[in-house]
Amino acid sequence: LKRSSAACFSSSIFKLGTLVRDGVGMLADPKTGYELIRRGALGGDADAMIAISESALQPGPHTPTFEEAIRFADMAEECNDPRAAPLRERLAALQPAADAAAPAETGIARPL
């Protein structure tokens, strides 16, 4: 019963996150929306895991890195979600290109 109610709670957090992110019935707040979707994913909601993973395909200021997206796709695969394996493969194939396009860390301190 506890596991079932926790899964339902995670699903509700995910759904709320999508509404907040997209601005359905309110002003859109992508940052808070993605935070809620992540909470739903971490709580065990496979749809939230897939949503977070898919959002890396259209990078933005609040979307996950490819590494994080692959981790969530792995979690969804552990939940036996059939969408997870193909998504993970697509993310893994795109990751090297994303890494190459990312700015290199130089170790030089930047002014604030």
N, C-alpha and C. Protein backbone atom coordinates (compact mmCIF):
# COMPACT_ATOMS: atom_id res chain seq x y z
N LEU A 1 0.83 -1.20 0.00
CA LEU A 1 0.00 0.00 0.00
C LEU A 1 0.87 1.26 0.00
N LYS A 2 1.95 1.24 0.81
CA LYS A 2 2.84 2.40 0.84
C LYS A 2 3.48 2.63 -0.52
N ARG A 3 3.94 1.55 -1.15
CA ARG A 3 4.58 1.68 -2.47
C ARG A 3 3.59 2.22 -3.49
N SER A 4 2.36 1.73 -3.44
CA SER A 4 1.33 2.18 -4.37
C SER A 4 1.02 3.66 -4.17
N SER A 5 0.89 4.10 -2.93
CA SER A 5 0.59 5.51 -2.68
C SER A 5 1.77 6.39 -3.05
N ALA A 6 2.99 5.90 -2.84
CA ALA A 6 4.18 6.67 -3.22
C ALA A 6 4.24 6.82 -4.73
N ALA A 7 3.91 5.76 -5.47
CA ALA A 7 3.92 5.83 -6.93
C ALA A 7 2.85 6.81 -7.42
N CYS A 8 1.70 6.81 -6.78
CA CYS A 8 0.63 7.73 -7.15
C CYS A 8 1.06 9.16 -6.87
N PHE A 9 1.72 9.39 -5.74
CA PHE A 9 2.21 10.71 -5.38
C PHE A 9 3.24 11.18 -6.41
N SER A 10 4.14 10.31 -6.81
CA SER A 10 5.16 10.66 -7.80
C SER A 10 4.52 11.00 -9.14
N SER A 11 3.49 10.26 -9.49
CA SER A 11 2.78 10.52 -10.74
C SER A 11 2.11 11.89 -10.68
N SER A 12 1.54 12.24 -9.54
CA SER A 12 0.89 13.54 -9.39
C SER A 12 1.91 14.68 -9.47
N ILE A 13 3.06 14.48 -8.87
CA ILE A 13 4.12 15.49 -8.93
C ILE A 13 4.57 15.68 -10.37
N PHE A 14 4.72 14.58 -11.10
CA PHE A 14 5.11 14.65 -12.51
C PHE A 14 4.07 15.44 -13.32
N LYS A 15 2.80 15.10 -13.13
CA LYS A 15 1.74 15.78 -13.89
C LYS A 15 1.69 17.26 -13.55
N LEU A 16 1.85 17.60 -12.28
CA LEU A 16 1.89 19.00 -11.88
C LEU A 16 3.09 19.69 -12.54
N GLY A 17 4.22 19.01 -12.57
CA GLY A 17 5.43 19.57 -13.20
C GLY A 17 5.22 19.90 -14.66
N THR A 18 4.52 19.03 -15.38
CA THR A 18 4.28 19.31 -16.80
C THR A 18 3.36 20.51 -16.97
N LEU A 19 2.37 20.64 -16.08
CA LEU A 19 1.47 21.79 -16.15
C LEU A 19 2.21 23.10 -15.86
N VAL A 20 3.07 23.07 -14.85
CA VAL A 20 3.83 24.26 -14.48
C VAL A 20 4.83 24.60 -15.58
N ARG A 21 5.54 23.60 -16.08
CA ARG A 21 6.53 23.82 -17.15
C ARG A 21 5.89 24.44 -18.39
N ASP A 22 4.71 23.93 -18.76
CA ASP A 22 4.06 24.36 -19.99
C ASP A 22 3.14 25.56 -19.79
N GLY A 23 2.89 25.94 -18.54
CA GLY A 23 2.04 27.09 -18.26
C GLY A 23 0.57 26.83 -18.51
N VAL A 24 0.09 25.65 -18.18
CA VAL A 24 -1.32 25.32 -18.36
C VAL A 24 -2.09 25.85 -17.15
N GLY A 25 -2.91 26.89 -17.38
CA GLY A 25 -3.70 27.47 -16.30
C GLY A 25 -2.92 28.42 -15.41
N MET A 26 -1.69 28.72 -15.78
CA MET A 26 -0.82 29.60 -14.98
C MET A 26 0.30 30.09 -15.88
N LEU A 27 1.10 31.00 -15.36
CA LEU A 27 2.28 31.42 -16.10
C LEU A 27 3.27 30.26 -16.16
N ALA A 28 3.87 30.06 -17.30
CA ALA A 28 4.85 28.98 -17.45
C ALA A 28 6.07 29.26 -16.58
N ASP A 29 6.55 28.22 -15.92
CA ASP A 29 7.76 28.32 -15.10
C ASP A 29 8.59 27.06 -15.38
N PRO A 30 9.37 27.06 -16.47
CA PRO A 30 10.12 25.86 -16.85
C PRO A 30 11.05 25.34 -15.74
N LYS A 31 11.70 26.23 -15.03
CA LYS A 31 12.63 25.79 -13.99
C LYS A 31 11.90 24.98 -12.92
N THR A 32 10.83 25.52 -12.37
CA THR A 32 10.07 24.80 -11.35
C THR A 32 9.43 23.55 -11.94
N GLY A 33 8.94 23.65 -13.18
CA GLY A 33 8.33 22.50 -13.82
C GLY A 33 9.30 21.33 -13.93
N TYR A 34 10.52 21.61 -14.41
CA TYR A 34 11.50 20.53 -14.53
C TYR A 34 11.92 20.00 -13.16
N GLU A 35 11.97 20.85 -12.15
CA GLU A 35 12.30 20.38 -10.80
C GLU A 35 11.22 19.41 -10.31
N LEU A 36 9.96 19.72 -10.56
CA LEU A 36 8.87 18.83 -10.16
C LEU A 36 8.90 17.52 -10.95
N ILE A 37 9.18 17.62 -12.25
CA ILE A 37 9.26 16.40 -13.06
C ILE A 37 10.40 15.51 -12.56
N ARG A 38 11.54 16.12 -12.21
CA ARG A 38 12.66 15.34 -11.65
C ARG A 38 12.25 14.65 -10.35
N ARG A 39 11.52 15.38 -9.50
CA ARG A 39 11.06 14.78 -8.23
C ARG A 39 10.16 13.59 -8.50
N GLY A 40 9.28 13.72 -9.50
CA GLY A 40 8.43 12.60 -9.87
C GLY A 40 9.24 11.41 -10.35
N ALA A 41 10.27 11.70 -11.15
CA ALA A 41 11.14 10.63 -11.66
C ALA A 41 11.90 9.96 -10.52
N LEU A 42 12.45 10.76 -9.64
CA LEU A 42 13.19 10.20 -8.51
C LEU A 42 12.28 9.43 -7.56
N GLY A 43 10.99 9.77 -7.58
CA GLY A 43 10.01 9.06 -6.76
C GLY A 43 9.54 7.76 -7.38
N GLY A 44 9.96 7.49 -8.62
CA GLY A 44 9.64 6.20 -9.23
C GLY A 44 8.65 6.24 -10.38
N ASP A 45 8.25 7.42 -10.84
CA ASP A 45 7.30 7.50 -11.94
C ASP A 45 8.04 7.35 -13.28
N ALA A 46 7.73 6.26 -13.99
CA ALA A 46 8.43 5.97 -15.25
C ALA A 46 8.14 7.03 -16.33
N ASP A 47 6.92 7.56 -16.36
CA ASP A 47 6.60 8.60 -17.34
C ASP A 47 7.47 9.83 -17.10
N ALA A 48 7.71 10.17 -15.84
CA ALA A 48 8.57 11.31 -15.51
C ALA A 48 10.01 11.02 -15.93
N MET A 49 10.46 9.78 -15.73
CA MET A 49 11.82 9.41 -16.14
C MET A 49 11.99 9.58 -17.65
N ILE A 50 10.99 9.15 -18.40
CA ILE A 50 11.04 9.27 -19.86
C ILE A 50 10.99 10.74 -20.25
N ALA A 51 10.13 11.52 -19.60
CA ALA A 51 9.99 12.95 -19.94
C ALA A 51 11.31 13.69 -19.71
N ILE A 52 11.97 13.41 -18.59
CA ILE A 52 13.25 14.06 -18.31
C ILE A 52 14.28 13.65 -19.36
N SER A 53 14.31 12.36 -19.68
CA SER A 53 15.27 11.88 -20.67
C SER A 53 15.02 12.51 -22.03
N GLU A 54 13.75 12.57 -22.45
CA GLU A 54 13.42 13.15 -23.75
C GLU A 54 13.74 14.64 -23.81
N SER A 55 13.63 15.33 -22.68
CA SER A 55 13.87 16.77 -22.69
C SER A 55 15.32 17.11 -23.03
N ALA A 56 16.24 16.18 -22.83
CA ALA A 56 17.64 16.43 -23.18
C ALA A 56 17.83 16.52 -24.69
N LEU A 57 16.88 16.00 -25.44
CA LEU A 57 16.98 16.04 -26.90
C LEU A 57 16.75 17.45 -27.45
N GLN A 58 16.15 18.31 -26.64
CA GLN A 58 15.95 19.72 -27.00
C GLN A 58 16.50 20.56 -25.86
N PRO A 59 17.83 20.66 -25.77
CA PRO A 59 18.46 21.31 -24.63
C PRO A 59 17.98 22.75 -24.41
N GLY A 60 17.85 23.07 -23.16
CA GLY A 60 17.47 24.40 -22.74
C GLY A 60 18.13 24.69 -21.40
N PRO A 61 17.83 25.84 -20.82
CA PRO A 61 18.51 26.21 -19.57
C PRO A 61 18.15 25.32 -18.38
N HIS A 62 17.03 24.61 -18.45
CA HIS A 62 16.62 23.81 -17.30
C HIS A 62 16.53 22.32 -17.61
N THR A 63 16.93 21.94 -18.82
CA THR A 63 16.87 20.53 -19.20
C THR A 63 18.13 19.81 -18.71
N PRO A 64 18.06 18.49 -18.60
CA PRO A 64 19.20 17.75 -18.06
C PRO A 64 20.33 17.60 -19.07
N THR A 65 21.49 17.26 -18.55
CA THR A 65 22.61 16.91 -19.41
C THR A 65 22.31 15.54 -20.02
N PHE A 66 23.07 15.18 -21.05
CA PHE A 66 22.88 13.85 -21.64
C PHE A 66 23.19 12.77 -20.62
N GLU A 67 24.18 13.00 -19.79
CA GLU A 67 24.54 12.02 -18.76
C GLU A 67 23.37 11.78 -17.81
N GLU A 68 22.75 12.85 -17.35
CA GLU A 68 21.60 12.72 -16.45
C GLU A 68 20.43 12.07 -17.17
N ALA A 69 20.20 12.45 -18.42
CA ALA A 69 19.09 11.88 -19.20
C ALA A 69 19.28 10.38 -19.38
N ILE A 70 20.50 9.95 -19.64
CA ILE A 70 20.78 8.51 -19.79
C ILE A 70 20.52 7.79 -18.47
N ARG A 71 20.90 8.43 -17.37
CA ARG A 71 20.65 7.82 -16.05
C ARG A 71 19.15 7.61 -15.83
N PHE A 72 18.34 8.62 -16.18
CA PHE A 72 16.89 8.48 -16.02
C PHE A 72 16.32 7.44 -16.98
N ALA A 73 16.87 7.35 -18.19
CA ALA A 73 16.43 6.31 -19.13
C ALA A 73 16.76 4.93 -18.58
N ASP A 74 17.93 4.79 -17.95
CA ASP A 74 18.28 3.52 -17.31
C ASP A 74 17.28 3.17 -16.21
N MET A 75 16.90 4.18 -15.42
CA MET A 75 15.93 3.96 -14.35
C MET A 75 14.59 3.50 -14.92
N ALA A 76 14.16 4.13 -16.03
CA ALA A 76 12.90 3.75 -16.66
C ALA A 76 12.98 2.33 -17.22
N GLU A 77 14.16 1.96 -17.71
CA GLU A 77 14.35 0.60 -18.22
C GLU A 77 14.24 -0.42 -17.09
N GLU A 78 14.74 -0.05 -15.91
CA GLU A 78 14.61 -0.93 -14.74
C GLU A 78 13.15 -1.10 -14.33
N CYS A 79 12.31 -0.12 -14.68
CA CYS A 79 10.87 -0.19 -14.41
C CYS A 79 10.13 -0.91 -15.55
N ASN A 80 10.89 -1.49 -16.47
CA ASN A 80 10.34 -2.23 -17.61
C ASN A 80 9.52 -1.36 -18.56
N ASP A 81 9.89 -0.11 -18.70
CA ASP A 81 9.21 0.77 -19.65
C ASP A 81 9.78 0.50 -21.04
N PRO A 82 8.93 0.11 -21.99
CA PRO A 82 9.43 -0.24 -23.33
C PRO A 82 10.01 0.94 -24.11
N ARG A 83 9.72 2.16 -23.70
CA ARG A 83 10.25 3.34 -24.39
C ARG A 83 11.70 3.62 -23.99
N ALA A 84 12.14 3.04 -22.89
CA ALA A 84 13.42 3.42 -22.29
C ALA A 84 14.63 2.98 -23.13
N ALA A 85 14.68 1.74 -23.55
CA ALA A 85 15.87 1.24 -24.25
C ALA A 85 16.15 2.01 -25.54
N PRO A 86 15.15 2.20 -26.43
CA PRO A 86 15.44 2.97 -27.65
C PRO A 86 15.84 4.41 -27.35
N LEU A 87 15.23 5.01 -26.33
CA LEU A 87 15.57 6.38 -25.96
C LEU A 87 16.99 6.45 -25.43
N ARG A 88 17.35 5.48 -24.60
CA ARG A 88 18.71 5.45 -24.06
C ARG A 88 19.74 5.31 -25.17
N GLU A 89 19.46 4.45 -26.14
CA GLU A 89 20.38 4.27 -27.28
C GLU A 89 20.52 5.56 -28.08
N ARG A 90 19.41 6.26 -28.28
CA ARG A 90 19.45 7.52 -29.02
C ARG A 90 20.27 8.56 -28.26
N LEU A 91 20.05 8.66 -26.96
CA LEU A 91 20.81 9.61 -26.14
C LEU A 91 22.30 9.27 -26.14
N ALA A 92 22.62 7.99 -26.01
CA ALA A 92 24.03 7.57 -25.99
C ALA A 92 24.71 7.89 -27.32
N ALA A 93 23.97 7.75 -28.42
CA ALA A 93 24.54 8.06 -29.73
C ALA A 93 24.79 9.55 -29.90
N LEU A 94 23.94 10.37 -29.31
CA LEU A 94 24.07 11.82 -29.43
C LEU A 94 25.03 12.43 -28.41
N GLN A 95 25.32 11.70 -27.35
CA GLN A 95 26.14 12.24 -26.27
C GLN A 95 27.53 12.69 -26.72
N PRO A 96 28.28 11.92 -27.51
CA PRO A 96 29.61 12.39 -27.91
C PRO A 96 29.58 13.73 -28.65
N ALA A 97 28.58 13.93 -29.50
CA ALA A 97 28.47 15.20 -30.23
C ALA A 97 28.17 16.34 -29.27
N ALA A 98 27.33 16.09 -28.27
CA ALA A 98 27.00 17.12 -27.29
C ALA A 98 28.22 17.45 -26.44
N ASP A 99 29.00 16.43 -26.08
CA ASP A 99 30.21 16.66 -25.29
C ASP A 99 31.23 17.48 -26.08
N ALA A 100 31.33 17.20 -27.37
CA ALA A 100 32.30 17.93 -28.20
C ALA A 100 31.90 19.39 -28.37
N ALA A 101 30.59 19.66 -28.36
CA ALA A 101 30.11 21.03 -28.54
C ALA A 101 30.14 21.83 -27.24
N ALA A 102 30.27 21.15 -26.11
CA ALA A 102 30.27 21.83 -24.82
C ALA A 102 31.59 22.57 -24.62
N PRO A 103 31.55 23.71 -23.95
CA PRO A 103 32.80 24.44 -23.70
C PRO A 103 33.72 23.62 -22.79
N ALA A 104 34.98 23.67 -23.08
CA ALA A 104 35.96 22.91 -22.30
C ALA A 104 36.22 23.59 -20.96
N GLU A 105 36.46 22.80 -19.95
CA GLU A 105 36.84 23.33 -18.65
C GLU A 105 38.34 23.62 -18.68
N THR A 106 38.69 24.84 -18.38
CA THR A 106 40.10 25.22 -18.43
C THR A 106 40.76 25.23 -17.07
N GLY A 107 39.92 25.28 -16.02
CA GLY A 107 40.49 25.36 -14.69
C GLY A 107 40.82 26.79 -14.29
N ILE A 108 40.61 27.71 -15.19
CA ILE A 108 40.89 29.13 -14.92
C ILE A 108 39.66 29.72 -14.26
N ALA A 109 39.86 30.42 -13.17
CA ALA A 109 38.75 31.04 -12.48
C ALA A 109 38.18 32.17 -13.32
N ARG A 110 36.86 32.24 -13.35
CA ARG A 110 36.18 33.30 -14.07
C ARG A 110 35.77 34.41 -13.10
N PRO A 111 35.83 35.64 -13.55
CA PRO A 111 35.39 36.72 -12.65
C PRO A 111 33.91 36.64 -12.40
N LEU A 112 33.48 37.06 -11.24
CA LEU A 112 32.07 37.03 -10.90
C LEU A 112 31.35 38.24 -11.39
